[in-house]
Every structure is written in C-alpha cells, then in structure tokens.
Amino acid sequence: MLRFPTGTLGAQSFPTTLIVDRQGRLAARALGGQIDDVLESMLQPVLAEQQS
C-alpha cells in the first residue's frame, strides 16, 4: 500500500491518477478522467529521469 505524508495527496475525486517516480515520490496527480495525450505528457518526465 502506498503511504503519503498527511495533507500532500488529497485525492478526493474519482478517478484520480497518481504518477510515482522511481524513488517512490509523488511526481504528478490528475483528478478526473484524462485522455492519452495528457497521461503521456505526465509520464514522460518521470520516464526520462536517470535510473540510479
């Protein structure tokens, strides 16, 4: 189960999309339905991060 510090997430509507980076940090959040282009634009910076 993912745990986030109190007050940092606030996912109160559904659907909610969370993008978590390689270190387990919340990298992006989107509330409501999203189209493919929006999701891809949210994922690209995370995927481009250097692997450690």
PDB file of N, CA and C in Angstrom:
ATOM      1  N   MET A   1       0.835  -1.169   0.000  1.00  0.00           N
ATOM      2  CA  MET A   1       0.000   0.000   0.000  1.00  0.00           C
ATOM      3  C   MET A   1       0.885   1.239   0.000  1.00  0.00           C
ATOM      4  N   LEU A   2       0.526   2.215  -0.818  1.00  0.00           N
ATOM      5  CA  LEU A   2       1.277   3.467  -0.865  1.00  0.00           C
ATOM      6  C   LEU A   2       0.870   4.356   0.294  1.00  0.00           C
ATOM      7  N   ARG A   3       1.842   4.976   0.917  1.00  0.00           N
ATOM      8  CA  ARG A   3       1.568   5.913   2.008  1.00  0.00           C
ATOM      9  C   ARG A   3       2.214   7.251   1.662  1.00  0.00           C
ATOM     10  N   PHE A   4       1.448   8.306   1.818  1.00  0.00           N
ATOM     11  CA  PHE A   4       1.931   9.655   1.549  1.00  0.00           C
ATOM     12  C   PHE A   4       1.771  10.486   2.812  1.00  0.00           C
ATOM     13  N   PRO A   5       2.653  11.465   3.008  1.00  0.00           N
ATOM     14  CA  PRO A   5       2.528  12.315   4.195  1.00  0.00           C
ATOM     15  C   PRO A   5       1.148  12.977   4.243  1.00  0.00           C
ATOM     16  N   THR A   6       0.604  13.118   5.439  1.00  0.00           N
ATOM     17  CA  THR A   6      -0.707  13.714   5.627  1.00  0.00           C
ATOM     18  C   THR A   6      -0.767  15.097   4.978  1.00  0.00           C
ATOM     19  N   GLY A   7      -1.828  15.324   4.200  1.00  0.00           N
ATOM     20  CA  GLY A   7      -2.043  16.613   3.574  1.00  0.00           C
ATOM     21  C   GLY A   7      -1.367  16.806   2.237  1.00  0.00           C
ATOM     22  N   THR A   8      -0.597  15.838   1.758  1.00  0.00           N
ATOM     23  CA  THR A   8       0.118  16.023   0.492  1.00  0.00           C
ATOM     24  C   THR A   8      -0.623  15.463  -0.696  1.00  0.00           C
ATOM     25  N   LEU A   9      -1.605  14.608  -0.465  1.00  0.00           N
ATOM     26  CA  LEU A   9      -2.260  13.940  -1.581  1.00  0.00           C
ATOM     27  C   LEU A   9      -3.627  14.520  -1.863  1.00  0.00           C
ATOM     28  N   GLY A  10      -4.536  14.435  -0.948  1.00  0.00           N
ATOM     29  CA  GLY A  10      -5.863  14.997  -1.105  1.00  0.00           C
ATOM     30  C   GLY A  10      -6.646  14.429  -2.277  1.00  0.00           C
ATOM     31  N   ALA A  11      -6.502  13.149  -2.556  1.00  0.00           N
ATOM     32  CA  ALA A  11      -7.248  12.532  -3.657  1.00  0.00           C
ATOM     33  C   ALA A  11      -8.693  12.350  -3.214  1.00  0.00           C
ATOM     34  N   GLN A  12      -9.540  13.301  -3.592  1.00  0.00           N
ATOM     35  CA  GLN A  12     -10.912  13.288  -3.110  1.00  0.00           C
ATOM     36  C   GLN A  12     -11.927  13.058  -4.210  1.00  0.00           C
ATOM     37  N   SER A  13     -11.511  12.976  -5.430  1.00  0.00           N
ATOM     38  CA  SER A  13     -12.457  12.701  -6.502  1.00  0.00           C
ATOM     39  C   SER A  13     -11.982  11.496  -7.289  1.00  0.00           C
ATOM     40  N   PHE A  14     -12.905  10.882  -7.953  1.00  0.00           N
ATOM     41  CA  PHE A  14     -12.573   9.702  -8.736  1.00  0.00           C
ATOM     42  C   PHE A  14     -12.972   9.954 -10.164  1.00  0.00           C
ATOM     43  N   PRO A  15     -12.243   9.505 -11.143  1.00  0.00           N
ATOM     44  CA  PRO A  15     -10.973   8.817 -10.971  1.00  0.00           C
ATOM     45  C   PRO A  15      -9.842   9.784 -10.623  1.00  0.00           C
ATOM     46  N   THR A  16      -8.837   9.268  -9.970  1.00  0.00           N
ATOM     47  CA  THR A  16      -7.628  10.012  -9.637  1.00  0.00           C
ATOM     48  C   THR A  16      -6.444   9.229 -10.166  1.00  0.00           C
ATOM     49  N   THR A  17      -5.569   9.898 -10.909  1.00  0.00           N
ATOM     50  CA  THR A  17      -4.370   9.266 -11.452  1.00  0.00           C
ATOM     51  C   THR A  17      -3.165   9.773 -10.678  1.00  0.00           C
ATOM     52  N   LEU A  18      -2.357   8.858 -10.183  1.00  0.00           N
ATOM     53  CA  LEU A  18      -1.126   9.202  -9.473  1.00  0.00           C
ATOM     54  C   LEU A  18       0.052   8.652 -10.254  1.00  0.00           C
ATOM     55  N   ILE A  19       1.067   9.484 -10.465  1.00  0.00           N
ATOM     56  CA  ILE A  19       2.312   9.062 -11.104  1.00  0.00           C
ATOM     57  C   ILE A  19       3.383   9.092 -10.024  1.00  0.00           C
ATOM     58  N   VAL A  20       4.001   7.949  -9.777  1.00  0.00           N
ATOM     59  CA  VAL A  20       5.014   7.818  -8.737  1.00  0.00           C
ATOM     60  C   VAL A  20       6.363   7.606  -9.412  1.00  0.00           C
ATOM     61  N   ASP A  21       7.381   8.370  -8.985  1.00  0.00           N
ATOM     62  CA  ASP A  21       8.695   8.250  -9.620  1.00  0.00           C
ATOM     63  C   ASP A  21       9.449   7.039  -9.082  1.00  0.00           C
ATOM     64  N   ARG A  22      10.658   6.856  -9.586  1.00  0.00           N
ATOM     65  CA  ARG A  22      11.466   5.679  -9.232  1.00  0.00           C
ATOM     66  C   ARG A  22      11.834   5.620  -7.755  1.00  0.00           C
ATOM     67  N   GLN A  23      11.827   6.777  -7.084  1.00  0.00           N
ATOM     68  CA  GLN A  23      12.151   6.814  -5.667  1.00  0.00           C
ATOM     69  C   GLN A  23      10.901   6.701  -4.798  1.00  0.00           C
ATOM     70  N   GLY A  24       9.743   6.494  -5.430  1.00  0.00           N
ATOM     71  CA  GLY A  24       8.504   6.353  -4.681  1.00  0.00           C
ATOM     72  C   GLY A  24       7.844   7.661  -4.322  1.00  0.00           C
ATOM     73  N   ARG A  25       8.314   8.766  -4.900  1.00  0.00           N
ATOM     74  CA  ARG A  25       7.727  10.081  -4.624  1.00  0.00           C
ATOM     75  C   ARG A  25       6.594  10.362  -5.596  1.00  0.00           C
ATOM     76  N   LEU A  26       5.620  11.114  -5.142  1.00  0.00           N
ATOM     77  CA  LEU A  26       4.520  11.525  -5.993  1.00  0.00           C
ATOM     78  C   LEU A  26       5.045  12.533  -7.013  1.00  0.00           C
ATOM     79  N   ALA A  27       5.007  12.161  -8.287  1.00  0.00           N
ATOM     80  CA  ALA A  27       5.545  13.017  -9.342  1.00  0.00           C
ATOM     81  C   ALA A  27       4.456  13.831 -10.023  1.00  0.00           C
ATOM     82  N   ALA A  28       3.233  13.300 -10.068  1.00  0.00           N
ATOM     83  CA  ALA A  28       2.127  14.010 -10.707  1.00  0.00           C
ATOM     84  C   ALA A  28       0.814  13.439 -10.211  1.00  0.00           C
ATOM     85  N   ARG A  29      -0.209  14.293 -10.269  1.00  0.00           N
ATOM     86  CA  ARG A  29      -1.547  13.870  -9.869  1.00  0.00           C
ATOM     87  C   ARG A  29      -2.542  14.532 -10.797  1.00  0.00           C
ATOM     88  N   ALA A  30      -3.533  13.788 -11.220  1.00  0.00           N
ATOM     89  CA  ALA A  30      -4.586  14.331 -12.075  1.00  0.00           C
ATOM     90  C   ALA A  30      -5.928  13.856 -11.547  1.00  0.00           C
ATOM     91  N   LEU A  31      -6.840  14.791 -11.386  1.00  0.00           N
ATOM     92  CA  LEU A  31      -8.174  14.466 -10.924  1.00  0.00           C
ATOM     93  C   LEU A  31      -9.117  14.438 -12.110  1.00  0.00           C
ATOM     94  N   GLY A  32      -9.981  13.448 -12.145  1.00  0.00           N
ATOM     95  CA  GLY A  32     -10.926  13.312 -13.242  1.00  0.00           C
ATOM     96  C   GLY A  32     -10.342  12.476 -14.363  1.00  0.00           C
ATOM     97  N   GLY A  33     -11.170  12.204 -15.339  1.00  0.00           N
ATOM     98  CA  GLY A  33     -10.726  11.414 -16.479  1.00  0.00           C
ATOM     99  C   GLY A  33      -9.694  12.159 -17.314  1.00  0.00           C
ATOM    100  N   GLN A  34      -8.745  11.439 -17.861  1.00  0.00           N
ATOM    101  CA  GLN A  34      -7.667  12.038 -18.657  1.00  0.00           C
ATOM    102  C   GLN A  34      -7.575  11.333 -20.000  1.00  0.00           C
ATOM    103  N   ILE A  35      -7.229  12.081 -21.023  1.00  0.00           N
ATOM    104  CA  ILE A  35      -7.012  11.476 -22.332  1.00  0.00           C
ATOM    105  C   ILE A  35      -5.568  11.004 -22.427  1.00  0.00           C
ATOM    106  N   ASP A  36      -5.319  10.141 -23.391  1.00  0.00           N
ATOM    107  CA  ASP A  36      -3.983   9.536 -23.540  1.00  0.00           C
ATOM    108  C   ASP A  36      -2.865  10.564 -23.625  1.00  0.00           C
ATOM    109  N   ASP A  37      -3.081  11.647 -24.377  1.00  0.00           N
ATOM    110  CA  ASP A  37      -2.026  12.648 -24.548  1.00  0.00           C
ATOM    111  C   ASP A  37      -1.647  13.303 -23.219  1.00  0.00           C
ATOM    112  N   VAL A  38      -2.622  13.555 -22.381  1.00  0.00           N
ATOM    113  CA  VAL A  38      -2.344  14.163 -21.079  1.00  0.00           C
ATOM    114  C   VAL A  38      -1.562  13.196 -20.206  1.00  0.00           C
ATOM    115  N   LEU A  39      -1.998  11.948 -20.172  1.00  0.00           N
ATOM    116  CA  LEU A  39      -1.281  10.951 -19.364  1.00  0.00           C
ATOM    117  C   LEU A  39       0.148  10.765 -19.848  1.00  0.00           C
ATOM    118  N   GLU A  40       0.337  10.738 -21.156  1.00  0.00           N
ATOM    119  CA  GLU A  40       1.691  10.587 -21.703  1.00  0.00           C
ATOM    120  C   GLU A  40       2.568  11.775 -21.320  1.00  0.00           C
ATOM    121  N   SER A  41       2.006  12.993 -21.366  1.00  0.00           N
ATOM    122  CA  SER A  41       2.796  14.177 -21.005  1.00  0.00           C
ATOM    123  C   SER A  41       3.149  14.171 -19.520  1.00  0.00           C
ATOM    124  N   MET A  42       2.327  13.533 -18.699  1.00  0.00           N
ATOM    125  CA  MET A  42       2.642  13.409 -17.275  1.00  0.00           C
ATOM    126  C   MET A  42       3.716  12.351 -17.040  1.00  0.00           C
ATOM    127  N   LEU A  43       3.702  11.295 -17.824  1.00  0.00           N
ATOM    128  CA  LEU A  43       4.644  10.199 -17.648  1.00  0.00           C
ATOM    129  C   LEU A  43       6.035  10.473 -18.218  1.00  0.00           C
ATOM    130  N   GLN A  44       6.115  11.216 -19.301  1.00  0.00           N
ATOM    131  CA  GLN A  44       7.395  11.409 -19.988  1.00  0.00           C
ATOM    132  C   GLN A  44       8.507  11.934 -19.075  1.00  0.00           C
ATOM    133  N   PRO A  45       8.283  12.963 -18.255  1.00  0.00           N
ATOM    134  CA  PRO A  45       9.386  13.423 -17.386  1.00  0.00           C
ATOM    135  C   PRO A  45       9.844  12.359 -16.388  1.00  0.00           C
ATOM    136  N   VAL A  46       8.917  11.558 -15.896  1.00  0.00           N
ATOM    137  CA  VAL A  46       9.273  10.505 -14.948  1.00  0.00           C
ATOM    138  C   VAL A  46      10.083   9.423 -15.641  1.00  0.00           C
ATOM    139  N   LEU A  47       9.663   9.042 -16.844  1.00  0.00           N
ATOM    140  CA  LEU A  47      10.383   8.024 -17.593  1.00  0.00           C
ATOM    141  C   LEU A  47      11.773   8.507 -18.012  1.00  0.00           C
ATOM    142  N   ALA A  48      11.916   9.818 -18.195  1.00  0.00           N
ATOM    143  CA  ALA A  48      13.194  10.380 -18.626  1.00  0.00           C
ATOM    144  C   ALA A  48      14.200  10.533 -17.480  1.00  0.00           C
ATOM    145  N   GLU A  49      13.729  10.404 -16.236  1.00  0.00           N
ATOM    146  CA  GLU A  49      14.650  10.513 -15.104  1.00  0.00           C
ATOM    147  C   GLU A  49      15.734   9.459 -15.198  1.00  0.00           C
ATOM    148  N   GLN A  50      16.923   9.843 -14.807  1.00  0.00           N
ATOM    149  CA  GLN A  50      18.043   8.910 -14.840  1.00  0.00           C
ATOM    150  C   GLN A  50      17.827   7.813 -13.812  1.00  0.00           C
ATOM    151  N   GLN A  51      17.996   6.568 -14.240  1.00  0.00           N
ATOM    152  CA  GLN A  51      17.894   5.442 -13.322  1.00  0.00           C
ATOM    153  C   GLN A  51      19.113   5.409 -12.418  1.00  0.00           C
ATOM    154  N   SER A  52      18.878   5.143 -11.141  1.00  0.00           N
ATOM    155  CA  SER A  52      20.039   5.053 -10.232  1.00  0.00           C
ATOM    156  C   SER A  52      20.270   3.647  -9.784  1.00  0.00           C
TER     157      SER A  52
END
